[in-house]
Amino acid sequence: MEIQSKQQIDEHKKEIEQELTEMLQETDSDFSLQHIRDVIFNEEDNDDMMKIVVMFDNGGGASEMENALEIATDA
């Protein structure tokens, strides 16, 4: 595992947040970045991650859901 500085971690966090925000807009989601943060910070079991994926579900298909899951995992 590569050790990263706090600055690198903060930059990566901002990139992920930007991606999430863009995906929320693209999918016309009723959820916000804060909703995603709440799920992440209050995660209790493995199924909680699927709550984030569902926030992006606009019927776009498996590839969109796969992308949402990948970004949610990064977050």
N, C-alpha and C. Protein backbone atom coordinates (compact mmCIF):
# COMPACT_ATOMS: atom_id res chain seq x y z
N MET A 1 0.85 -1.18 0.00
CA MET A 1 0.00 0.00 0.00
C MET A 1 0.89 1.24 0.00
N GLU A 2 0.59 2.15 -0.88
CA GLU A 2 1.36 3.38 -1.00
C GLU A 2 0.93 4.36 0.08
N ILE A 3 1.89 4.94 0.75
CA ILE A 3 1.59 5.94 1.77
C ILE A 3 1.40 7.28 1.08
N GLN A 4 0.30 7.94 1.39
CA GLN A 4 0.00 9.21 0.77
C GLN A 4 -0.01 10.31 1.81
N SER A 5 0.36 11.51 1.39
CA SER A 5 0.33 12.65 2.29
C SER A 5 -1.12 13.09 2.48
N LYS A 6 -1.33 13.89 3.50
CA LYS A 6 -2.67 14.41 3.75
C LYS A 6 -3.15 15.24 2.56
N GLN A 7 -2.24 15.97 1.94
CA GLN A 7 -2.60 16.77 0.78
C GLN A 7 -3.06 15.89 -0.38
N GLN A 8 -2.38 14.77 -0.62
CA GLN A 8 -2.77 13.86 -1.69
C GLN A 8 -4.14 13.25 -1.40
N ILE A 9 -4.36 12.89 -0.16
CA ILE A 9 -5.64 12.32 0.23
C ILE A 9 -6.76 13.34 0.04
N ASP A 10 -6.51 14.59 0.46
CA ASP A 10 -7.51 15.65 0.30
C ASP A 10 -7.83 15.91 -1.17
N GLU A 11 -6.81 15.90 -2.02
CA GLU A 11 -7.01 16.12 -3.45
C GLU A 11 -7.84 14.98 -4.05
N HIS A 12 -7.52 13.75 -3.65
CA HIS A 12 -8.27 12.60 -4.15
C HIS A 12 -9.72 12.66 -3.68
N LYS A 13 -9.92 13.07 -2.45
CA LYS A 13 -11.28 13.22 -1.90
C LYS A 13 -12.07 14.24 -2.72
N LYS A 14 -11.45 15.36 -3.06
CA LYS A 14 -12.13 16.38 -3.85
C LYS A 14 -12.50 15.86 -5.24
N GLU A 15 -11.59 15.09 -5.84
CA GLU A 15 -11.87 14.50 -7.15
C GLU A 15 -13.07 13.57 -7.09
N ILE A 16 -13.11 12.73 -6.07
CA ILE A 16 -14.22 11.79 -5.92
C ILE A 16 -15.52 12.55 -5.67
N GLU A 17 -15.48 13.56 -4.82
CA GLU A 17 -16.68 14.35 -4.55
C GLU A 17 -17.19 15.03 -5.81
N GLN A 18 -16.27 15.52 -6.65
CA GLN A 18 -16.65 16.15 -7.91
C GLN A 18 -17.32 15.13 -8.83
N GLU A 19 -16.74 13.93 -8.91
CA GLU A 19 -17.33 12.88 -9.75
C GLU A 19 -18.73 12.52 -9.26
N LEU A 20 -18.88 12.40 -7.95
CA LEU A 20 -20.19 12.06 -7.38
C LEU A 20 -21.20 13.15 -7.68
N THR A 21 -20.80 14.39 -7.51
CA THR A 21 -21.69 15.52 -7.77
C THR A 21 -22.12 15.54 -9.24
N GLU A 22 -21.18 15.32 -10.14
CA GLU A 22 -21.49 15.28 -11.57
C GLU A 22 -22.45 14.14 -11.90
N MET A 23 -22.23 12.98 -11.29
CA MET A 23 -23.12 11.84 -11.54
C MET A 23 -24.52 12.12 -11.01
N LEU A 24 -24.61 12.77 -9.86
CA LEU A 24 -25.93 13.11 -9.32
C LEU A 24 -26.67 14.03 -10.28
N GLN A 25 -25.96 14.99 -10.86
CA GLN A 25 -26.58 15.91 -11.81
C GLN A 25 -26.96 15.20 -13.10
N GLU A 26 -26.07 14.36 -13.60
CA GLU A 26 -26.33 13.65 -14.86
C GLU A 26 -27.53 12.71 -14.76
N THR A 27 -27.73 12.14 -13.60
CA THR A 27 -28.84 11.19 -13.42
C THR A 27 -30.10 11.86 -12.89
N ASP A 28 -30.05 13.19 -12.74
CA ASP A 28 -31.19 13.94 -12.18
C ASP A 28 -31.65 13.37 -10.85
N SER A 29 -30.69 12.99 -10.05
CA SER A 29 -30.98 12.39 -8.75
C SER A 29 -31.56 13.43 -7.80
N ASP A 30 -32.44 12.99 -6.93
CA ASP A 30 -33.00 13.85 -5.89
C ASP A 30 -32.09 13.92 -4.67
N PHE A 31 -30.98 13.20 -4.72
CA PHE A 31 -30.06 13.14 -3.59
C PHE A 31 -28.91 14.12 -3.78
N SER A 32 -28.21 14.40 -2.68
CA SER A 32 -27.09 15.34 -2.71
C SER A 32 -25.82 14.63 -2.24
N LEU A 33 -24.71 15.34 -2.38
CA LEU A 33 -23.44 14.82 -1.89
C LEU A 33 -23.52 14.55 -0.39
N GLN A 34 -24.26 15.37 0.33
CA GLN A 34 -24.40 15.16 1.77
C GLN A 34 -25.12 13.85 2.08
N HIS A 35 -26.09 13.47 1.26
CA HIS A 35 -26.77 12.18 1.46
C HIS A 35 -25.74 11.03 1.34
N ILE A 36 -24.88 11.14 0.35
CA ILE A 36 -23.86 10.11 0.16
C ILE A 36 -22.91 10.07 1.34
N ARG A 37 -22.47 11.24 1.79
CA ARG A 37 -21.59 11.30 2.97
C ARG A 37 -22.26 10.65 4.18
N ASP A 38 -23.53 10.92 4.38
CA ASP A 38 -24.25 10.35 5.52
C ASP A 38 -24.25 8.82 5.47
N VAL A 39 -24.47 8.26 4.30
CA VAL A 39 -24.46 6.81 4.16
C VAL A 39 -23.07 6.26 4.48
N ILE A 40 -22.04 6.90 3.94
CA ILE A 40 -20.67 6.43 4.16
C ILE A 40 -20.29 6.52 5.63
N PHE A 41 -20.54 7.66 6.26
CA PHE A 41 -20.12 7.86 7.64
C PHE A 41 -20.93 7.06 8.65
N ASN A 42 -22.13 6.62 8.23
CA ASN A 42 -22.99 5.85 9.13
C ASN A 42 -23.14 4.40 8.68
N GLU A 43 -22.23 3.94 7.84
CA GLU A 43 -22.29 2.58 7.31
C GLU A 43 -22.19 1.56 8.43
N GLU A 44 -23.11 0.60 8.42
CA GLU A 44 -23.12 -0.43 9.45
C GLU A 44 -22.93 -1.82 8.88
N ASP A 45 -23.36 -2.03 7.64
CA ASP A 45 -23.16 -3.35 7.04
C ASP A 45 -22.91 -3.20 5.54
N ASN A 46 -22.60 -4.30 4.89
CA ASN A 46 -22.23 -4.27 3.48
C ASN A 46 -23.36 -3.78 2.58
N ASP A 47 -24.59 -3.97 2.97
CA ASP A 47 -25.72 -3.55 2.15
C ASP A 47 -25.87 -2.03 2.09
N ASP A 48 -25.28 -1.32 3.05
CA ASP A 48 -25.38 0.13 3.06
C ASP A 48 -24.76 0.75 1.82
N MET A 49 -23.72 0.14 1.27
CA MET A 49 -23.08 0.68 0.06
C MET A 49 -24.06 0.69 -1.11
N MET A 50 -24.97 -0.26 -1.14
CA MET A 50 -25.95 -0.31 -2.21
C MET A 50 -26.92 0.88 -2.15
N LYS A 51 -27.07 1.48 -0.98
CA LYS A 51 -27.91 2.67 -0.87
C LYS A 51 -27.37 3.79 -1.76
N ILE A 52 -26.04 3.89 -1.82
CA ILE A 52 -25.42 4.92 -2.66
C ILE A 52 -25.69 4.62 -4.13
N VAL A 53 -25.52 3.37 -4.52
CA VAL A 53 -25.74 2.99 -5.92
C VAL A 53 -27.17 3.30 -6.33
N VAL A 54 -28.12 3.04 -5.45
CA VAL A 54 -29.53 3.29 -5.76
C VAL A 54 -29.79 4.78 -5.98
N MET A 55 -29.02 5.64 -5.34
CA MET A 55 -29.18 7.08 -5.52
C MET A 55 -28.94 7.51 -6.96
N PHE A 56 -28.19 6.70 -7.70
CA PHE A 56 -27.86 7.03 -9.09
C PHE A 56 -28.74 6.28 -10.09
N ASP A 57 -29.64 5.45 -9.62
CA ASP A 57 -30.43 4.62 -10.52
C ASP A 57 -31.49 5.44 -11.24
N ASN A 58 -31.29 5.59 -12.54
CA ASN A 58 -32.29 6.28 -13.34
C ASN A 58 -32.74 5.41 -14.50
N GLY A 59 -32.49 4.11 -14.35
CA GLY A 59 -32.89 3.17 -15.39
C GLY A 59 -31.92 3.11 -16.55
N GLY A 60 -30.70 3.64 -16.35
CA GLY A 60 -29.71 3.72 -17.42
C GLY A 60 -29.01 2.43 -17.75
N GLY A 61 -29.19 1.41 -16.95
CA GLY A 61 -28.60 0.12 -17.26
C GLY A 61 -27.43 -0.26 -16.37
N ALA A 62 -26.92 -1.44 -16.67
CA ALA A 62 -25.88 -2.04 -15.84
C ALA A 62 -24.58 -1.25 -15.86
N SER A 63 -24.21 -0.68 -16.98
CA SER A 63 -22.94 0.03 -17.05
C SER A 63 -22.94 1.27 -16.16
N GLU A 64 -24.08 1.97 -16.10
CA GLU A 64 -24.17 3.13 -15.21
C GLU A 64 -24.11 2.69 -13.75
N MET A 65 -24.76 1.59 -13.43
CA MET A 65 -24.74 1.10 -12.05
C MET A 65 -23.33 0.63 -11.66
N GLU A 66 -22.64 0.02 -12.60
CA GLU A 66 -21.27 -0.42 -12.35
C GLU A 66 -20.38 0.78 -12.06
N ASN A 67 -20.54 1.84 -12.83
CA ASN A 67 -19.77 3.06 -12.62
C ASN A 67 -20.10 3.68 -11.26
N ALA A 68 -21.37 3.70 -10.90
CA ALA A 68 -21.79 4.24 -9.61
C ALA A 68 -21.19 3.42 -8.47
N LEU A 69 -21.18 2.11 -8.61
CA LEU A 69 -20.61 1.26 -7.57
C LEU A 69 -19.12 1.49 -7.42
N GLU A 70 -18.44 1.66 -8.55
CA GLU A 70 -16.99 1.89 -8.51
C GLU A 70 -16.66 3.20 -7.79
N ILE A 71 -17.39 4.26 -8.11
CA ILE A 71 -17.16 5.54 -7.47
C ILE A 71 -17.57 5.50 -6.00
N ALA A 72 -18.65 4.83 -5.69
CA ALA A 72 -19.09 4.70 -4.29
C ALA A 72 -18.04 3.94 -3.48
N THR A 73 -17.44 2.94 -4.06
CA THR A 73 -16.39 2.19 -3.38
C THR A 73 -15.18 3.08 -3.11
N ASP A 74 -14.81 3.89 -4.09
CA ASP A 74 -13.71 4.83 -3.89
C ASP A 74 -14.02 5.80 -2.76
N ALA A 75 -15.27 6.26 -2.75
CA ALA A 75 -15.67 7.23 -1.72
C ALA A 75 -15.56 6.60 -0.34
